[in-house]
Amino acid sequence: MNGTSATFPDRDSVAGKFAALGESEQSYLLLLMENAAQDENLIEGLYRHLDLASGAKLLNSLKLEKLGEWLGSNAPARLQIRLMEAAKSSQHAAYQAFRTGLVRSGGLEKAYPKA
């Protein structure tokens, strides 16, 4: 590849995987995270999912915390900073719930331990 991100899957497909987060969705997302060329699609899908969650009439903060914890525990080191940037990009409760799970996972500290 020439350094650009792959165009498939689109952000809505990835957002749907984040929303469901069953075993098959987790396997799919783990495969996406193995390929650095898919990083943009994964992050864009995450933003889309968080935006949809923040616009929903009912906020499922426990599910968003679980997603943050799962992503923080399973994402490679190269994605940890971008995940935290996404979590901090809004003060909405959906983003805060995601950030809570992400921090709880300790993924950023494992990827970049303090000296």
C-alpha atoms as a PDB file:
ATOM      1  CA  MET A   1       0.000   0.000   0.000  1.00  0.00           C
ATOM      2  CA  ASN A   2       1.080   3.565  -0.498  1.00  0.00           C
ATOM      3  CA  GLY A   3       0.526   4.688   3.101  1.00  0.00           C
ATOM      4  CA  THR A   4      -3.104   5.673   2.717  1.00  0.00           C
ATOM      5  CA  SER A   5      -5.841   3.960   4.659  1.00  0.00           C
ATOM      6  CA  ALA A   6      -7.997   1.284   3.104  1.00  0.00           C
ATOM      7  CA  THR A   7     -11.493   2.421   2.169  1.00  0.00           C
ATOM      8  CA  PHE A   8     -13.254  -0.693   3.437  1.00  0.00           C
ATOM      9  CA  PRO A   9     -14.843  -0.993   5.918  1.00  0.00           C
ATOM     10  CA  ASP A  10     -16.539   2.370   6.122  1.00  0.00           C
ATOM     11  CA  ARG A  11     -17.045   4.218   9.407  1.00  0.00           C
ATOM     12  CA  ASP A  12     -20.717   3.213   9.668  1.00  0.00           C
ATOM     13  CA  SER A  13     -19.822  -0.489   9.403  1.00  0.00           C
ATOM     14  CA  VAL A  14     -17.188  -0.130  12.110  1.00  0.00           C
ATOM     15  CA  ALA A  15     -19.571   1.914  14.283  1.00  0.00           C
ATOM     16  CA  GLY A  16     -22.099  -0.921  13.974  1.00  0.00           C
ATOM     17  CA  LYS A  17     -19.487  -3.407  15.180  1.00  0.00           C
ATOM     18  CA  PHE A  18     -18.733  -1.182  18.183  1.00  0.00           C
ATOM     19  CA  ALA A  19     -22.440  -0.869  18.956  1.00  0.00           C
ATOM     20  CA  ALA A  20     -23.038  -4.627  18.981  1.00  0.00           C
ATOM     21  CA  LEU A  21     -19.640  -5.772  20.385  1.00  0.00           C
ATOM     22  CA  GLY A  22     -20.515  -9.459  20.520  1.00  0.00           C
ATOM     23  CA  GLU A  23     -17.942 -12.198  20.027  1.00  0.00           C
ATOM     24  CA  SER A  24     -18.011 -12.035  16.224  1.00  0.00           C
ATOM     25  CA  GLU A  25     -17.758  -8.224  16.285  1.00  0.00           C
ATOM     26  CA  GLN A  26     -14.822  -8.402  18.687  1.00  0.00           C
ATOM     27  CA  SER A  27     -13.033 -10.854  16.381  1.00  0.00           C
ATOM     28  CA  TYR A  28     -13.680  -8.574  13.429  1.00  0.00           C
ATOM     29  CA  LEU A  29     -12.369  -5.520  15.287  1.00  0.00           C
ATOM     30  CA  LEU A  30      -9.288  -7.416  16.473  1.00  0.00           C
ATOM     31  CA  LEU A  31      -8.521  -8.250  12.826  1.00  0.00           C
ATOM     32  CA  LEU A  32      -8.898  -4.574  11.900  1.00  0.00           C
ATOM     33  CA  MET A  33      -6.499  -3.580  14.677  1.00  0.00           C
ATOM     34  CA  GLU A  34      -3.842  -5.982  13.367  1.00  0.00           C
ATOM     35  CA  ASN A  35      -3.529  -3.954  10.165  1.00  0.00           C
ATOM     36  CA  ALA A  36      -2.144  -0.440  10.594  1.00  0.00           C
ATOM     37  CA  ALA A  37      -3.681   0.530   7.239  1.00  0.00           C
ATOM     38  CA  GLN A  38      -7.102   0.158   8.896  1.00  0.00           C
ATOM     39  CA  ASP A  39      -6.356   2.556  11.779  1.00  0.00           C
ATOM     40  CA  GLU A  40      -8.189   5.495  10.203  1.00  0.00           C
ATOM     41  CA  ASN A  41     -11.284   3.401   9.505  1.00  0.00           C
ATOM     42  CA  LEU A  42     -11.265   2.103  13.066  1.00  0.00           C
ATOM     43  CA  ILE A  43     -10.887   5.559  14.634  1.00  0.00           C
ATOM     44  CA  GLU A  44     -13.469   7.131  12.313  1.00  0.00           C
ATOM     45  CA  GLY A  45     -15.876   4.313  13.192  1.00  0.00           C
ATOM     46  CA  LEU A  46     -15.235   4.939  16.883  1.00  0.00           C
ATOM     47  CA  TYR A  47     -15.986   8.650  16.497  1.00  0.00           C
ATOM     48  CA  ARG A  48     -19.163   7.780  14.594  1.00  0.00           C
ATOM     49  CA  HIS A  49     -20.243   5.348  17.321  1.00  0.00           C
ATOM     50  CA  LEU A  50     -19.571   7.874  20.096  1.00  0.00           C
ATOM     51  CA  ASP A  51     -21.417  10.603  18.154  1.00  0.00           C
ATOM     52  CA  LEU A  52     -24.431   8.329  17.682  1.00  0.00           C
ATOM     53  CA  ALA A  53     -24.362   7.362  21.367  1.00  0.00           C
ATOM     54  CA  SER A  54     -24.177  11.010  22.415  1.00  0.00           C
ATOM     55  CA  GLY A  55     -27.238  11.778  20.293  1.00  0.00           C
ATOM     56  CA  ALA A  56     -29.313   8.862  21.553  1.00  0.00           C
ATOM     57  CA  LYS A  57     -32.328   9.451  23.776  1.00  0.00           C
ATOM     58  CA  LEU A  58     -31.066   6.842  26.246  1.00  0.00           C
ATOM     59  CA  LEU A  59     -27.374   6.756  27.116  1.00  0.00           C
ATOM     60  CA  ASN A  60     -26.013   3.307  27.926  1.00  0.00           C
ATOM     61  CA  SER A  61     -22.933   4.421  29.830  1.00  0.00           C
ATOM     62  CA  LEU A  62     -22.159   0.926  31.125  1.00  0.00           C
ATOM     63  CA  LYS A  63     -21.921  -0.370  27.553  1.00  0.00           C
ATOM     64  CA  LEU A  64     -19.666   2.546  26.588  1.00  0.00           C
ATOM     65  CA  GLU A  65     -17.426   1.896  29.597  1.00  0.00           C
ATOM     66  CA  LYS A  66     -17.213  -1.771  28.594  1.00  0.00           C
ATOM     67  CA  LEU A  67     -16.245  -0.740  25.055  1.00  0.00           C
ATOM     68  CA  GLY A  68     -13.527   1.575  26.386  1.00  0.00           C
ATOM     69  CA  GLU A  69     -12.176  -1.127  28.655  1.00  0.00           C
ATOM     70  CA  TRP A  70     -12.219  -3.721  25.877  1.00  0.00           C
ATOM     71  CA  LEU A  71     -10.511  -1.408  23.383  1.00  0.00           C
ATOM     72  CA  GLY A  72      -7.913  -0.283  25.915  1.00  0.00           C
ATOM     73  CA  SER A  73      -7.105  -3.880  26.750  1.00  0.00           C
ATOM     74  CA  ASN A  74      -6.962  -5.136  23.165  1.00  0.00           C
ATOM     75  CA  ALA A  75      -5.770  -2.269  20.972  1.00  0.00           C
ATOM     76  CA  PRO A  76      -2.109  -2.222  19.983  1.00  0.00           C
ATOM     77  CA  ALA A  77       0.200   0.417  21.436  1.00  0.00           C
ATOM     78  CA  ARG A  78       0.104   2.472  18.221  1.00  0.00           C
ATOM     79  CA  LEU A  79      -3.628   3.133  18.772  1.00  0.00           C
ATOM     80  CA  GLN A  80      -3.654   3.883  22.502  1.00  0.00           C
ATOM     81  CA  ILE A  81      -2.955   7.619  22.209  1.00  0.00           C
ATOM     82  CA  ARG A  82      -5.522   8.013  19.429  1.00  0.00           C
ATOM     83  CA  LEU A  83      -8.126   6.208  21.519  1.00  0.00           C
ATOM     84  CA  MET A  84      -7.486   8.564  24.423  1.00  0.00           C
ATOM     85  CA  GLU A  85      -7.672  11.569  22.095  1.00  0.00           C
ATOM     86  CA  ALA A  86     -11.069  10.334  20.893  1.00  0.00           C
ATOM     87  CA  ALA A  87     -12.226   9.841  24.478  1.00  0.00           C
ATOM     88  CA  LYS A  88     -11.204  13.385  25.410  1.00  0.00           C
ATOM     89  CA  SER A  89     -12.621  15.052  22.294  1.00  0.00           C
ATOM     90  CA  SER A  90     -15.964  15.895  23.919  1.00  0.00           C
ATOM     91  CA  GLN A  91     -17.346  16.594  27.382  1.00  0.00           C
ATOM     92  CA  HIS A  92     -20.539  14.677  26.604  1.00  0.00           C
ATOM     93  CA  ALA A  93     -21.378  11.863  29.030  1.00  0.00           C
ATOM     94  CA  ALA A  94     -20.996   9.258  26.244  1.00  0.00           C
ATOM     95  CA  TYR A  95     -17.374  10.246  25.736  1.00  0.00           C
ATOM     96  CA  GLN A  96     -16.780  10.403  29.488  1.00  0.00           C
ATOM     97  CA  ALA A  97     -18.147   6.881  29.951  1.00  0.00           C
ATOM     98  CA  PHE A  98     -15.908   5.612  27.153  1.00  0.00           C
ATOM     99  CA  ARG A  99     -12.928   7.405  28.725  1.00  0.00           C
ATOM    100  CA  THR A 100     -13.680   5.837  32.130  1.00  0.00           C
ATOM    101  CA  GLY A 101     -13.463   2.352  30.647  1.00  0.00           C
ATOM    102  CA  LEU A 102     -10.388   3.241  28.629  1.00  0.00           C
ATOM    103  CA  VAL A 103      -8.559   4.531  31.705  1.00  0.00           C
ATOM    104  CA  ARG A 104      -9.673   1.506  33.745  1.00  0.00           C
ATOM    105  CA  SER A 105      -8.096  -0.817  31.143  1.00  0.00           C
ATOM    106  CA  GLY A 106      -4.657   0.708  31.704  1.00  0.00           C
ATOM    107  CA  GLY A 107      -3.871   0.317  27.993  1.00  0.00           C
ATOM    108  CA  LEU A 108      -2.146   3.674  27.643  1.00  0.00           C
ATOM    109  CA  GLU A 109       0.091   3.006  30.666  1.00  0.00           C
ATOM    110  CA  LYS A 110       0.998  -0.463  29.340  1.00  0.00           C
ATOM    111  CA  ALA A 111       1.808   0.943  25.909  1.00  0.00           C
ATOM    112  CA  TYR A 112       3.813   3.871  27.273  1.00  0.00           C
ATOM    113  CA  PRO A 113       5.073   3.054  30.789  1.00  0.00           C
ATOM    114  CA  LYS A 114       6.435   5.874  32.906  1.00  0.00           C
ATOM    115  CA  ALA A 115      10.228   5.965  33.097  1.00  0.00           C
END
